[in-house]
Amino acid sequence: MTRKNTIDRQRESSITLEVGGEDDNSQIRELLSLSHALFTVTDLAVYRVLLQDDIDPERTNPNIPNQSQKIIPSGYNDPIVGKILLTAKYLFDKNNATEDLLLDRFFEAVIDLTKHVLELKKMIADLKNEISENEDFIENAEQKSNGYSLPAITSLETKVHHILVKADKAKDAILKLYKIHFLPNENDKPKLEKYTNALRDLSNTDDEVLKVWEEKKKFLDLIRNARNSSEHPKPNQQVLLDDFTMQPDGSIAPPLIQVEHKDTPIGLLPLVEFIEFLEKMIIDYSELSPVFIKQLLLISSKNNPSGESVTEFPEKERRHPNVRFYRSINMGGTKRILG
């Protein structure tokens, strides 16, 4: 019988894992185990955890610690983490799923998407706050009769451009979720029509599914074209912005935006209205894409003996208040969450 040395006994013994450091003493709510890493979701953040053998697989240094690194500064209690990361986990987690669906790459992409959406949300919130503060100034400031001081948004064009670029990155991350499952051998950014063809080729795909995808494509096209109009402006393809402006009747118009593009033009409208629309749609598509993908995989699967489906549950039946969709089966005429 081979006797284990000290480092082997140390590495193979049970461990107590702490993540987050002194700035996060909240509990671990969820674990996501991939082949190359463990991810933990606390109330406040998401961490990538590396155990001693991940860092020192040859077991040469007994002093190597387990480590955690914050990769998303929002956690279980954040609605975006719930809607995107945890929705994907509950639908695809390999501990509960019936088959391997390239989960490592998929969950890495979901984590990237969650980061992009959180960053976009903050950028939009910061710009909205600045606009709101200036609107308060306009309403409340005592102005001189012979000189009106009109506020302006600092670096307005740059801030809107960065929002459009970040929205486009979120769009690319959404498409990557589809690519991993339906176009695994394509290059980094296949044209949208290739996704359409791949979904059309799935078994049991009906016209209603393709209609849903076509609606998704319209928004994804709009995001790409708006980014291009900002990044590569030219006649009839550009983003036009107005800061606060005084009208002939003496009223002050808020910042306005217009996107010129031959395929997806956006008429003149308040900038806040536009970025709120952008935020809502990106969050919705980020949440619903794993749902749509899971539904497509179940529809096209030849091995679904239990009749598994994806169902939206009312809040009182959910396992997380911000996770609406779960794998389910029909039991006696009632949908029940699987797993």
C-alpha atoms as a PDB file:
ATOM      1  CA  MET A   1       0.000   0.000   0.000  1.00  0.00           C
ATOM      2  CA  THR A   2       1.422   3.374  -1.082  1.00  0.00           C
ATOM      3  CA  ARG A   3       1.612   5.879   1.717  1.00  0.00           C
ATOM      4  CA  LYS A   4       0.503   9.394   0.881  1.00  0.00           C
ATOM      5  CA  ASN A   5       2.896  12.203   1.627  1.00  0.00           C
ATOM      6  CA  THR A   6       1.964  15.306   3.589  1.00  0.00           C
ATOM      7  CA  ILE A   7       0.952  17.464   0.618  1.00  0.00           C
ATOM      8  CA  ASP A   8      -1.277  14.722  -0.803  1.00  0.00           C
ATOM      9  CA  ARG A   9      -3.055  14.320   2.529  1.00  0.00           C
ATOM     10  CA  GLN A  10      -3.437  18.089   2.765  1.00  0.00           C
ATOM     11  CA  ARG A  11      -4.863  18.502  -0.744  1.00  0.00           C
ATOM     12  CA  GLU A  12      -7.257  15.535  -0.431  1.00  0.00           C
ATOM     13  CA  SER A  13      -8.662  16.441   2.951  1.00  0.00           C
ATOM     14  CA  SER A  14     -11.920  18.350   3.356  1.00  0.00           C
ATOM     15  CA  ILE A  15     -11.707  22.132   3.190  1.00  0.00           C
ATOM     16  CA  THR A  16     -13.618  25.109   4.461  1.00  0.00           C
ATOM     17  CA  LEU A  17     -13.841  27.607   1.627  1.00  0.00           C
ATOM     18  CA  GLU A  18     -14.100  31.335   2.251  1.00  0.00           C
ATOM     19  CA  VAL A  19     -14.594  33.776  -0.606  1.00  0.00           C
ATOM     20  CA  GLY A  20     -14.845  37.522  -0.834  1.00  0.00           C
ATOM     21  CA  GLY A  21     -12.461  38.762   1.789  1.00  0.00           C
ATOM     22  CA  GLU A  22     -13.307  41.369   4.387  1.00  0.00           C
ATOM     23  CA  ASP A  23     -15.518  43.442   2.044  1.00  0.00           C
ATOM     24  CA  ASP A  24     -17.970  40.575   1.468  1.00  0.00           C
ATOM     25  CA  ASN A  25     -19.043  38.502   4.444  1.00  0.00           C
ATOM     26  CA  SER A  26     -22.314  37.416   2.817  1.00  0.00           C
ATOM     27  CA  GLN A  27     -23.140  33.767   2.312  1.00  0.00           C
ATOM     28  CA  ILE A  28     -22.560  31.692  -0.811  1.00  0.00           C
ATOM     29  CA  ARG A  29     -25.956  31.275  -2.468  1.00  0.00           C
ATOM     30  CA  GLU A  30     -25.096  29.362  -5.653  1.00  0.00           C
ATOM     31  CA  LEU A  31     -22.213  27.303  -7.055  1.00  0.00           C
ATOM     32  CA  LEU A  32     -21.424  26.877 -10.732  1.00  0.00           C
ATOM     33  CA  SER A  33     -18.849  24.164 -11.396  1.00  0.00           C
ATOM     34  CA  LEU A  34     -17.096  24.125 -14.772  1.00  0.00           C
ATOM     35  CA  SER A  35     -14.331  21.779 -15.865  1.00  0.00           C
ATOM     36  CA  HIS A  36     -11.639  24.406 -15.312  1.00  0.00           C
ATOM     37  CA  ALA A  37     -13.048  26.568 -12.516  1.00  0.00           C
ATOM     38  CA  LEU A  38     -15.601  26.910  -9.764  1.00  0.00           C
ATOM     39  CA  PHE A  39     -17.776  30.011  -9.592  1.00  0.00           C
ATOM     40  CA  THR A  40     -19.601  31.108  -6.459  1.00  0.00           C
ATOM     41  CA  VAL A  41     -22.435  33.585  -6.183  1.00  0.00           C
ATOM     42  CA  THR A  42     -22.712  35.414  -2.878  1.00  0.00           C
ATOM     43  CA  ASP A  43     -25.323  38.004  -1.977  1.00  0.00           C
ATOM     44  CA  LEU A  44     -22.979  40.744  -3.177  1.00  0.00           C
ATOM     45  CA  ALA A  45     -20.749  39.394  -5.969  1.00  0.00           C
ATOM     46  CA  VAL A  46     -19.675  36.552  -8.238  1.00  0.00           C
ATOM     47  CA  TYR A  47     -16.255  34.972  -7.663  1.00  0.00           C
ATOM     48  CA  ARG A  48     -14.004  32.668  -9.641  1.00  0.00           C
ATOM     49  CA  VAL A  49     -12.477  30.156  -7.233  1.00  0.00           C
ATOM     50  CA  LEU A  50      -9.206  28.324  -7.840  1.00  0.00           C
ATOM     51  CA  LEU A  51      -8.324  25.496  -5.504  1.00  0.00           C
ATOM     52  CA  GLN A  52      -4.773  24.552  -4.591  1.00  0.00           C
ATOM     53  CA  ASP A  53      -4.551  21.842  -7.278  1.00  0.00           C
ATOM     54  CA  ASP A  54      -5.769  24.302  -9.912  1.00  0.00           C
ATOM     55  CA  ILE A  55      -2.826  26.571  -9.117  1.00  0.00           C
ATOM     56  CA  ASP A  56      -0.238  23.891  -8.336  1.00  0.00           C
ATOM     57  CA  PRO A  57      -1.338  20.670 -10.102  1.00  0.00           C
ATOM     58  CA  GLU A  58       2.068  19.023  -9.547  1.00  0.00           C
ATOM     59  CA  ARG A  59       1.683  19.499  -5.806  1.00  0.00           C
ATOM     60  CA  THR A  60       5.079  21.074  -5.305  1.00  0.00           C
ATOM     61  CA  ASN A  61       4.176  23.771  -2.776  1.00  0.00           C
ATOM     62  CA  PRO A  62       2.196  22.932   0.389  1.00  0.00           C
ATOM     63  CA  ASN A  63       1.765  26.633   1.137  1.00  0.00           C
ATOM     64  CA  ILE A  64      -0.351  27.471  -1.926  1.00  0.00           C
ATOM     65  CA  PRO A  65      -3.751  28.743  -0.701  1.00  0.00           C
ATOM     66  CA  ASN A  66      -7.159  28.331  -2.241  1.00  0.00           C
ATOM     67  CA  GLN A  67      -8.071  31.657  -3.808  1.00  0.00           C
ATOM     68  CA  SER A  68     -11.121  33.604  -4.942  1.00  0.00           C
ATOM     69  CA  GLN A  69     -11.269  36.523  -7.348  1.00  0.00           C
ATOM     70  CA  LYS A  70     -14.244  38.836  -7.798  1.00  0.00           C
ATOM     71  CA  ILE A  71     -15.319  38.818 -11.451  1.00  0.00           C
ATOM     72  CA  ILE A  72     -18.724  40.494 -11.136  1.00  0.00           C
ATOM     73  CA  PRO A  73     -19.271  43.164  -8.450  1.00  0.00           C
ATOM     74  CA  SER A  74     -22.949  42.245  -8.083  1.00  0.00           C
ATOM     75  CA  GLY A  75     -24.380  39.037  -6.710  1.00  0.00           C
ATOM     76  CA  TYR A  76     -27.438  36.999  -5.856  1.00  0.00           C
ATOM     77  CA  ASN A  77     -29.463  40.017  -4.739  1.00  0.00           C
ATOM     78  CA  ASP A  78     -28.938  41.950  -7.975  1.00  0.00           C
ATOM     79  CA  PRO A  79     -31.844  41.676 -10.462  1.00  0.00           C
ATOM     80  CA  ILE A  80     -29.485  41.554 -13.480  1.00  0.00           C
ATOM     81  CA  VAL A  81     -27.497  38.634 -12.037  1.00  0.00           C
ATOM     82  CA  GLY A  82     -30.777  36.852 -11.377  1.00  0.00           C
ATOM     83  CA  LYS A  83     -32.303  37.550 -14.793  1.00  0.00           C
ATOM     84  CA  ILE A  84     -29.218  36.535 -16.790  1.00  0.00           C
ATOM     85  CA  LEU A  85     -26.670  34.403 -14.937  1.00  0.00           C
ATOM     86  CA  LEU A  86     -29.010  32.526 -12.609  1.00  0.00           C
ATOM     87  CA  THR A  87     -31.686  32.030 -15.259  1.00  0.00           C
ATOM     88  CA  ALA A  88     -29.047  30.355 -17.455  1.00  0.00           C
ATOM     89  CA  LYS A  89     -27.789  28.313 -14.495  1.00  0.00           C
ATOM     90  CA  TYR A  90     -31.220  26.988 -13.556  1.00  0.00           C
ATOM     91  CA  LEU A  91     -31.949  26.067 -17.178  1.00  0.00           C
ATOM     92  CA  PHE A  92     -28.583  24.557 -18.127  1.00  0.00           C
ATOM     93  CA  ASP A  93     -26.686  23.554 -14.983  1.00  0.00           C
ATOM     94  CA  LYS A  94     -25.111  20.168 -15.724  1.00  0.00           C
ATOM     95  CA  ASN A  95     -26.013  18.879 -12.275  1.00  0.00           C
ATOM     96  CA  ASN A  96     -29.639  18.916 -13.399  1.00  0.00           C
ATOM     97  CA  ALA A  97     -29.495  18.853 -17.209  1.00  0.00           C
ATOM     98  CA  THR A  98     -30.121  15.719 -19.237  1.00  0.00           C
ATOM     99  CA  GLU A  99     -27.205  16.142 -21.638  1.00  0.00           C
ATOM    100  CA  ASP A 100     -23.892  17.958 -22.054  1.00  0.00           C
ATOM    101  CA  LEU A 101     -24.422  21.147 -24.064  1.00  0.00           C
ATOM    102  CA  LEU A 102     -20.919  22.666 -24.301  1.00  0.00           C
ATOM    103  CA  LEU A 103     -21.644  24.113 -20.902  1.00  0.00           C
ATOM    104  CA  ASP A 104     -18.180  25.410 -20.107  1.00  0.00           C
ATOM    105  CA  ARG A 105     -18.139  27.751 -23.108  1.00  0.00           C
ATOM    106  CA  PHE A 106     -21.789  28.599 -22.668  1.00  0.00           C
ATOM    107  CA  PHE A 107     -21.464  29.658 -19.034  1.00  0.00           C
ATOM    108  CA  GLU A 108     -18.299  31.620 -19.711  1.00  0.00           C
ATOM    109  CA  ALA A 109     -20.282  33.505 -22.364  1.00  0.00           C
ATOM    110  CA  VAL A 110     -23.180  34.038 -19.937  1.00  0.00           C
ATOM    111  CA  ILE A 111     -20.762  35.495 -17.372  1.00  0.00           C
ATOM    112  CA  ASP A 112     -19.347  37.871 -19.999  1.00  0.00           C
ATOM    113  CA  LEU A 113     -22.872  38.889 -21.016  1.00  0.00           C
ATOM    114  CA  THR A 114     -23.800  39.593 -17.390  1.00  0.00           C
ATOM    115  CA  LYS A 115     -20.746  41.839 -17.046  1.00  0.00           C
ATOM    116  CA  HIS A 116     -21.593  43.782 -20.204  1.00  0.00           C
ATOM    117  CA  VAL A 117     -25.204  44.345 -19.170  1.00  0.00           C
ATOM    118  CA  LEU A 118     -24.238  45.524 -15.674  1.00  0.00           C
ATOM    119  CA  GLU A 119     -21.686  47.930 -17.167  1.00  0.00           C
ATOM    120  CA  LEU A 120     -24.215  49.213 -19.710  1.00  0.00           C
ATOM    121  CA  LYS A 121     -26.799  49.729 -16.975  1.00  0.00           C
ATOM    122  CA  LYS A 122     -24.339  51.818 -14.940  1.00  0.00           C
ATOM    123  CA  MET A 123     -23.322  53.926 -17.944  1.00  0.00           C
ATOM    124  CA  ILE A 124     -26.970  54.654 -18.716  1.00  0.00           C
ATOM    125  CA  ALA A 125     -27.763  55.416 -15.066  1.00  0.00           C
ATOM    126  CA  ASP A 126     -24.832  57.860 -14.857  1.00  0.00           C
ATOM    127  CA  LEU A 127     -25.942  59.736 -17.989  1.00  0.00           C
ATOM    128  CA  LYS A 128     -29.576  59.831 -16.853  1.00  0.00           C
ATOM    129  CA  ASN A 129     -28.493  61.202 -13.469  1.00  0.00           C
ATOM    130  CA  GLU A 130     -26.490  63.976 -15.127  1.00  0.00           C
ATOM    131  CA  ILE A 131     -29.429  64.905 -17.346  1.00  0.00           C
ATOM    132  CA  SER A 132     -31.772  64.873 -14.347  1.00  0.00           C
ATOM    133  CA  GLU A 133     -29.452  67.094 -12.291  1.00  0.00           C
ATOM    134  CA  ASN A 134     -29.325  69.625 -15.107  1.00  0.00           C
ATOM    135  CA  GLU A 135     -33.104  69.530 -15.473  1.00  0.00           C
ATOM    136  CA  ASP A 136     -33.377  70.298 -11.740  1.00  0.00           C
ATOM    137  CA  PHE A 137     -30.974  73.220 -12.252  1.00  0.00           C
ATOM    138  CA  ILE A 138     -33.115  74.580 -15.117  1.00  0.00           C
ATOM    139  CA  GLU A 139     -36.248  74.346 -13.020  1.00  0.00           C
ATOM    140  CA  ASN A 140     -34.877  75.781  -9.787  1.00  0.00           C
ATOM    141  CA  ALA A 141     -31.993  78.139 -10.589  1.00  0.00           C
ATOM    142  CA  GLU A 142     -32.559  81.878 -10.407  1.00  0.00           C
ATOM    143  CA  GLN A 143     -31.423  83.234 -13.768  1.00  0.00           C
ATOM    144  CA  LYS A 144     -30.321  86.768 -14.655  1.00  0.00           C
ATOM    145  CA  SER A 145     -32.742  88.737 -16.798  1.00  0.00           C
ATOM    146  CA  ASN A 146     -29.980  89.770 -19.211  1.00  0.00           C
ATOM    147  CA  GLY A 147     -28.150  86.417 -19.442  1.00  0.00           C
ATOM    148  CA  TYR A 148     -29.520  82.884 -19.242  1.00  0.00           C
ATOM    149  CA  SER A 149     -27.065  80.161 -18.244  1.00  0.00           C
ATOM    150  CA  LEU A 150     -28.000  76.964 -20.087  1.00  0.00           C
ATOM    151  CA  PRO A 151     -26.450  73.765 -18.698  1.00  0.00           C
ATOM    152  CA  ALA A 152     -24.762  71.178 -20.891  1.00  0.00           C
ATOM    153  CA  ILE A 153     -23.928  67.480 -20.587  1.00  0.00           C
ATOM    154  CA  THR A 154     -20.200  66.919 -20.281  1.00  0.00           C
ATOM    155  CA  SER A 155     -18.777  65.049 -23.324  1.00  0.00           C
ATOM    156  CA  LEU A 156     -22.255  64.116 -24.510  1.00  0.00           C
ATOM    157  CA  GLU A 157     -21.149  62.603 -27.838  1.00  0.00           C
ATOM    158  CA  THR A 158     -18.488  60.483 -26.157  1.00  0.00           C
ATOM    159  CA  LYS A 159     -20.861  59.178 -23.489  1.00  0.00           C
ATOM    160  CA  VAL A 160     -23.527  58.213 -26.023  1.00  0.00           C
ATOM    161  CA  HIS A 161     -20.908  56.564 -28.238  1.00  0.00           C
ATOM    162  CA  HIS A 162     -19.622  54.492 -25.322  1.00  0.00           C
ATOM    163  CA  ILE A 163     -23.179  53.401 -24.502  1.00  0.00           C
ATOM    164  CA  LEU A 164     -23.750  52.300 -28.095  1.00  0.00           C
ATOM    165  CA  VAL A 165     -20.435  50.422 -28.170  1.00  0.00           C
ATOM    166  CA  LYS A 166     -21.237  48.666 -24.888  1.00  0.00           C
ATOM    167  CA  ALA A 167     -24.727  47.772 -26.152  1.00  0.00           C
ATOM    168  CA  ASP A 168     -23.099  46.280 -29.237  1.00  0.00           C
ATOM    169  CA  LYS A 169     -20.761  44.215 -27.071  1.00  0.00           C
ATOM    170  CA  ALA A 170     -23.791  42.913 -25.172  1.00  0.00           C
ATOM    171  CA  LYS A 171     -25.402  42.101 -28.537  1.00  0.00           C
ATOM    172  CA  ASP A 172     -22.314  40.126 -29.570  1.00  0.00           C
ATOM    173  CA  ALA A 173     -22.377  38.260 -26.247  1.00  0.00           C
ATOM    174  CA  ILE A 174     -26.043  37.360 -26.784  1.00  0.00           C
ATOM    175  CA  LEU A 175     -25.272  36.009 -30.242  1.00  0.00           C
ATOM    176  CA  LYS A 176     -22.378  33.992 -28.846  1.00  0.00           C
ATOM    177  CA  LEU A 177     -24.863  32.006 -26.742  1.00  0.00           C
ATOM    178  CA  TYR A 178     -26.611  30.947 -29.964  1.00  0.00           C
ATOM    179  CA  LYS A 179     -23.346  30.329 -31.805  1.00  0.00           C
ATOM    180  CA  ILE A 180     -22.072  27.923 -29.151  1.00  0.00           C
ATOM    181  CA  HIS A 181     -25.123  25.696 -29.566  1.00  0.00           C
ATOM    182  CA  PHE A 182     -26.106  26.098 -33.202  1.00  0.00           C
ATOM    183  CA  LEU A 183     -23.023  27.299 -35.122  1.00  0.00           C
ATOM    184  CA  PRO A 184     -20.092  25.786 -33.187  1.00  0.00           C
ATOM    185  CA  ASN A 185     -17.806  25.539 -36.223  1.00  0.00           C
ATOM    186  CA  GLU A 186     -18.331  29.074 -37.546  1.00  0.00           C
ATOM    187  CA  ASN A 187     -15.924  31.970 -37.140  1.00  0.00           C
ATOM    188  CA  ASP A 188     -16.206  34.504 -34.327  1.00  0.00           C
ATOM    189  CA  LYS A 189     -19.052  36.600 -35.757  1.00  0.00           C
ATOM    190  CA  PRO A 190     -21.254  34.791 -38.290  1.00  0.00           C
ATOM    191  CA  LYS A 191     -23.760  36.887 -40.212  1.00  0.00           C
ATOM    192  CA  LEU A 192     -27.247  36.908 -38.747  1.00  0.00           C
ATOM    193  CA  GLU A 193     -28.619  35.009 -41.738  1.00  0.00           C
ATOM    194  CA  LYS A 194     -26.446  32.029 -40.800  1.00  0.00           C
ATOM    195  CA  TYR A 195     -28.207  31.860 -37.445  1.00  0.00           C
ATOM    196  CA  THR A 196     -31.549  31.898 -39.253  1.00  0.00           C
ATOM    197  CA  ASN A 197     -30.490  29.017 -41.469  1.00  0.00           C
ATOM    198  CA  ALA A 198     -29.159  27.032 -38.510  1.00  0.00           C
ATOM    199  CA  LEU A 199     -32.433  27.421 -36.598  1.00  0.00           C
ATOM    200  CA  ARG A 200     -34.449  26.561 -39.699  1.00  0.00           C
ATOM    201  CA  ASP A 201     -32.471  23.331 -40.057  1.00  0.00           C
ATOM    202  CA  LEU A 202     -33.316  22.140 -36.536  1.00  0.00           C
ATOM    203  CA  SER A 203     -35.790  19.302 -36.428  1.00  0.00           C
ATOM    204  CA  ASN A 204     -39.337  20.211 -35.374  1.00  0.00           C
ATOM    205  CA  THR A 205     -38.727  23.951 -35.766  1.00  0.00           C
ATOM    206  CA  ASP A 206     -41.998  25.598 -36.823  1.00  0.00           C
ATOM    207  CA  ASP A 207     -42.845  28.959 -38.384  1.00  0.00           C
ATOM    208  CA  GLU A 208     -43.704  30.497 -34.994  1.00  0.00           C
ATOM    209  CA  VAL A 209     -40.177  29.854 -33.714  1.00  0.00           C
ATOM    210  CA  LEU A 210     -38.699  31.485 -36.806  1.00  0.00           C
ATOM    211  CA  LYS A 211     -41.023  34.471 -36.386  1.00  0.00           C
ATOM    212  CA  VAL A 212     -39.728  34.950 -32.832  1.00  0.00           C
ATOM    213  CA  TRP A 213     -36.147  34.812 -34.108  1.00  0.00           C
ATOM    214  CA  GLU A 214     -36.882  37.310 -36.890  1.00  0.00           C
ATOM    215  CA  GLU A 215     -38.179  39.767 -34.290  1.00  0.00           C
ATOM    216  CA  LYS A 216     -34.996  39.292 -32.274  1.00  0.00           C
ATOM    217  CA  LYS A 217     -32.926  39.928 -35.397  1.00  0.00           C
ATOM    218  CA  LYS A 218     -34.581  43.302 -35.955  1.00  0.00           C
ATOM    219  CA  PHE A 219     -33.387  44.615 -32.608  1.00  0.00           C
ATOM    220  CA  LEU A 220     -29.929  43.071 -32.964  1.00  0.00           C
ATOM    221  CA  ASP A 221     -29.631  44.754 -36.374  1.00  0.00           C
ATOM    222  CA  LEU A 222     -30.672  48.074 -34.860  1.00  0.00           C
ATOM    223  CA  ILE A 223     -27.964  47.850 -32.200  1.00  0.00           C
ATOM    224  CA  ARG A 224     -25.260  47.010 -34.727  1.00  0.00           C
ATOM    225  CA  ASN A 225     -26.356  49.793 -37.097  1.00  0.00           C
ATOM    226  CA  ALA A 226     -26.567  52.407 -34.332  1.00  0.00           C
ATOM    227  CA  ARG A 227     -23.043  51.522 -33.208  1.00  0.00           C
ATOM    228  CA  ASN A 228     -21.778  51.718 -36.808  1.00  0.00           C
ATOM    229  CA  SER A 229     -23.484  55.085 -37.304  1.00  0.00           C
ATOM    230  CA  SER A 230     -21.652  56.396 -34.250  1.00  0.00           C
ATOM    231  CA  GLU A 231     -18.279  54.779 -34.931  1.00  0.00           C
ATOM    232  CA  HIS A 232     -18.171  55.251 -38.716  1.00  0.00           C
ATOM    233  CA  PRO A 233     -20.230  58.374 -39.438  1.00  0.00           C
ATOM    234  CA  LYS A 234     -20.861  59.507 -42.990  1.00  0.00           C
ATOM    235  CA  PRO A 235     -23.687  61.266 -44.846  1.00  0.00           C
ATOM    236  CA  ASN A 236     -26.990  59.514 -44.086  1.00  0.00           C
ATOM    237  CA  GLN A 237     -25.284  57.249 -41.530  1.00  0.00           C
ATOM    238  CA  GLN A 238     -24.620  59.104 -38.312  1.00  0.00           C
ATOM    239  CA  VAL A 239     -25.828  59.777 -34.785  1.00  0.00           C
ATOM    240  CA  LEU A 240     -27.140  63.326 -34.351  1.00  0.00           C
ATOM    241  CA  LEU A 241     -27.290  64.765 -30.838  1.00  0.00           C
ATOM    242  CA  ASP A 242     -28.672  67.987 -29.403  1.00  0.00           C
ATOM    243  CA  ASP A 243     -27.824  69.084 -25.880  1.00  0.00           C
ATOM    244  CA  PHE A 244     -30.240  71.201 -23.839  1.00  0.00           C
ATOM    245  CA  THR A 245     -31.572  73.897 -26.191  1.00  0.00           C
ATOM    246  CA  MET A 246     -33.857  76.908 -25.736  1.00  0.00           C
ATOM    247  CA  GLN A 247     -36.916  76.947 -27.990  1.00  0.00           C
ATOM    248  CA  PRO A 248     -38.454  80.085 -29.563  1.00  0.00           C
ATOM    249  CA  ASP A 249     -41.231  80.006 -26.954  1.00  0.00           C
ATOM    250  CA  GLY A 250     -38.626  80.164 -24.155  1.00  0.00           C
ATOM    251  CA  SER A 251     -38.973  76.528 -23.070  1.00  0.00           C
ATOM    252  CA  ILE A 252     -35.911  74.297 -22.721  1.00  0.00           C
ATOM    253  CA  ALA A 253     -35.806  71.078 -24.750  1.00  0.00           C
ATOM    254  CA  PRO A 254     -33.987  68.114 -23.184  1.00  0.00           C
ATOM    255  CA  PRO A 255     -31.093  66.349 -24.956  1.00  0.00           C
ATOM    256  CA  LEU A 256     -32.320  64.706 -28.165  1.00  0.00           C
ATOM    257  CA  ILE A 257     -30.996  61.927 -30.386  1.00  0.00           C
ATOM    258  CA  GLN A 258     -31.564  60.838 -33.961  1.00  0.00           C
ATOM    259  CA  VAL A 259     -29.884  57.900 -35.738  1.00  0.00           C
ATOM    260  CA  GLU A 260     -29.552  58.083 -39.494  1.00  0.00           C
ATOM    261  CA  HIS A 261     -29.210  54.671 -41.133  1.00  0.00           C
ATOM    262  CA  LYS A 262     -30.826  53.358 -44.303  1.00  0.00           C
ATOM    263  CA  ASP A 263     -31.960  50.075 -42.701  1.00  0.00           C
ATOM    264  CA  THR A 264     -32.863  51.030 -39.128  1.00  0.00           C
ATOM    265  CA  PRO A 265     -33.366  54.794 -38.837  1.00  0.00           C
ATOM    266  CA  ILE A 266     -34.437  56.199 -35.490  1.00  0.00           C
ATOM    267  CA  GLY A 267     -36.361  59.456 -35.585  1.00  0.00           C
ATOM    268  CA  LEU A 268     -35.748  62.402 -33.301  1.00  0.00           C
ATOM    269  CA  LEU A 269     -36.641  61.587 -29.690  1.00  0.00           C
ATOM    270  CA  PRO A 270     -35.496  62.462 -26.158  1.00  0.00           C
ATOM    271  CA  LEU A 271     -32.144  60.889 -25.361  1.00  0.00           C
ATOM    272  CA  VAL A 272     -33.402  59.514 -22.021  1.00  0.00           C
ATOM    273  CA  GLU A 273     -36.246  57.744 -23.790  1.00  0.00           C
ATOM    274  CA  PHE A 274     -33.800  56.164 -26.239  1.00  0.00           C
ATOM    275  CA  ILE A 275     -31.290  54.910 -23.672  1.00  0.00           C
ATOM    276  CA  GLU A 276     -34.081  53.578 -21.435  1.00  0.00           C
ATOM    277  CA  PHE A 277     -35.431  51.646 -24.430  1.00  0.00           C
ATOM    278  CA  LEU A 278     -31.920  50.366 -25.144  1.00  0.00           C
ATOM    279  CA  GLU A 279     -31.431  49.216 -21.546  1.00  0.00           C
ATOM    280  CA  LYS A 280     -34.806  47.475 -21.313  1.00  0.00           C
ATOM    281  CA  MET A 281     -34.405  45.622 -24.598  1.00  0.00           C
ATOM    282  CA  ILE A 282     -30.837  44.496 -23.868  1.00  0.00           C
ATOM    283  CA  ILE A 283     -31.880  43.165 -20.454  1.00  0.00           C
ATOM    284  CA  ASP A 284     -34.921  41.418 -21.929  1.00  0.00           C
ATOM    285  CA  TYR A 285     -32.922  39.791 -24.733  1.00  0.00           C
ATOM    286  CA  SER A 286     -30.146  38.784 -22.332  1.00  0.00           C
ATOM    287  CA  GLU A 287     -32.670  37.108 -20.033  1.00  0.00           C
ATOM    288  CA  LEU A 288     -34.767  35.480 -22.754  1.00  0.00           C
ATOM    289  CA  SER A 289     -31.987  34.181 -25.015  1.00  0.00           C
ATOM    290  CA  PRO A 290     -31.046  31.234 -22.720  1.00  0.00           C
ATOM    291  CA  VAL A 291     -34.773  30.545 -22.410  1.00  0.00           C
ATOM    292  CA  PHE A 292     -35.260  30.521 -26.189  1.00  0.00           C
ATOM    293  CA  ILE A 293     -32.141  28.391 -26.724  1.00  0.00           C
ATOM    294  CA  LYS A 294     -33.257  25.847 -24.128  1.00  0.00           C
ATOM    295  CA  GLN A 295     -36.703  25.670 -25.707  1.00  0.00           C
ATOM    296  CA  LEU A 296     -35.161  25.107 -29.149  1.00  0.00           C
ATOM    297  CA  LEU A 297     -32.932  22.334 -27.838  1.00  0.00           C
ATOM    298  CA  LEU A 298     -35.865  20.594 -26.169  1.00  0.00           C
ATOM    299  CA  ILE A 299     -38.038  20.935 -29.281  1.00  0.00           C
ATOM    300  CA  SER A 300     -35.349  19.456 -31.518  1.00  0.00           C
ATOM    301  CA  SER A 301     -34.242  16.762 -29.035  1.00  0.00           C
ATOM    302  CA  LYS A 302     -34.944  13.132 -29.859  1.00  0.00           C
ATOM    303  CA  ASN A 303     -34.496  12.182 -26.210  1.00  0.00           C
ATOM    304  CA  ASN A 304     -37.022  13.907 -23.974  1.00  0.00           C
ATOM    305  CA  PRO A 305     -39.050  11.040 -22.475  1.00  0.00           C
ATOM    306  CA  SER A 306     -40.344  13.046 -19.502  1.00  0.00           C
ATOM    307  CA  GLY A 307     -41.732  15.839 -21.676  1.00  0.00           C
ATOM    308  CA  GLU A 308     -39.445  18.446 -20.159  1.00  0.00           C
ATOM    309  CA  SER A 309     -40.224  22.038 -21.139  1.00  0.00           C
ATOM    310  CA  VAL A 310     -39.417  25.592 -20.090  1.00  0.00           C
ATOM    311  CA  THR A 311     -42.091  27.389 -18.080  1.00  0.00           C
ATOM    312  CA  GLU A 312     -42.457  30.864 -16.596  1.00  0.00           C
ATOM    313  CA  PHE A 313     -43.529  30.585 -12.952  1.00  0.00           C
ATOM    314  CA  PRO A 314     -45.291  33.184 -10.781  1.00  0.00           C
ATOM    315  CA  GLU A 315     -43.088  34.833  -8.174  1.00  0.00           C
ATOM    316  CA  LYS A 316     -44.476  32.860  -5.222  1.00  0.00           C
ATOM    317  CA  GLU A 317     -43.350  29.586  -6.866  1.00  0.00           C
ATOM    318  CA  ARG A 318     -39.881  30.716  -7.962  1.00  0.00           C
ATOM    319  CA  ARG A 319     -36.592  29.669  -6.408  1.00  0.00           C
ATOM    320  CA  HIS A 320     -35.254  33.183  -6.952  1.00  0.00           C
ATOM    321  CA  PRO A 321     -37.482  36.271  -7.185  1.00  0.00           C
ATOM    322  CA  ASN A 322     -35.791  37.488 -10.383  1.00  0.00           C
ATOM    323  CA  VAL A 323     -35.577  34.106 -12.138  1.00  0.00           C
ATOM    324  CA  ARG A 324     -38.850  33.647 -13.997  1.00  0.00           C
ATOM    325  CA  PHE A 325     -38.105  30.584 -16.148  1.00  0.00           C
ATOM    326  CA  TYR A 326     -37.306  27.011 -15.091  1.00  0.00           C
ATOM    327  CA  ARG A 327     -37.105  23.526 -16.535  1.00  0.00           C
ATOM    328  CA  SER A 328     -40.414  21.867 -15.801  1.00  0.00           C
ATOM    329  CA  ILE A 329     -42.545  18.779 -16.295  1.00  0.00           C
ATOM    330  CA  ASN A 330     -46.295  18.316 -16.265  1.00  0.00           C
ATOM    331  CA  MET A 331     -47.463  16.412 -13.204  1.00  0.00           C
ATOM    332  CA  GLY A 332     -51.189  15.778 -13.019  1.00  0.00           C
ATOM    333  CA  GLY A 333     -51.946  18.800 -15.160  1.00  0.00           C
ATOM    334  CA  THR A 334     -49.686  21.137 -13.150  1.00  0.00           C
ATOM    335  CA  LYS A 335     -46.243  22.385 -14.200  1.00  0.00           C
ATOM    336  CA  ARG A 336     -43.555  21.574 -11.616  1.00  0.00           C
ATOM    337  CA  ILE A 337     -39.972  22.832 -11.468  1.00  0.00           C
ATOM    338  CA  LEU A 338     -37.440  20.110 -12.248  1.00  0.00           C
ATOM    339  CA  GLY A 339     -34.374  19.522 -10.123  1.00  0.00           C
END
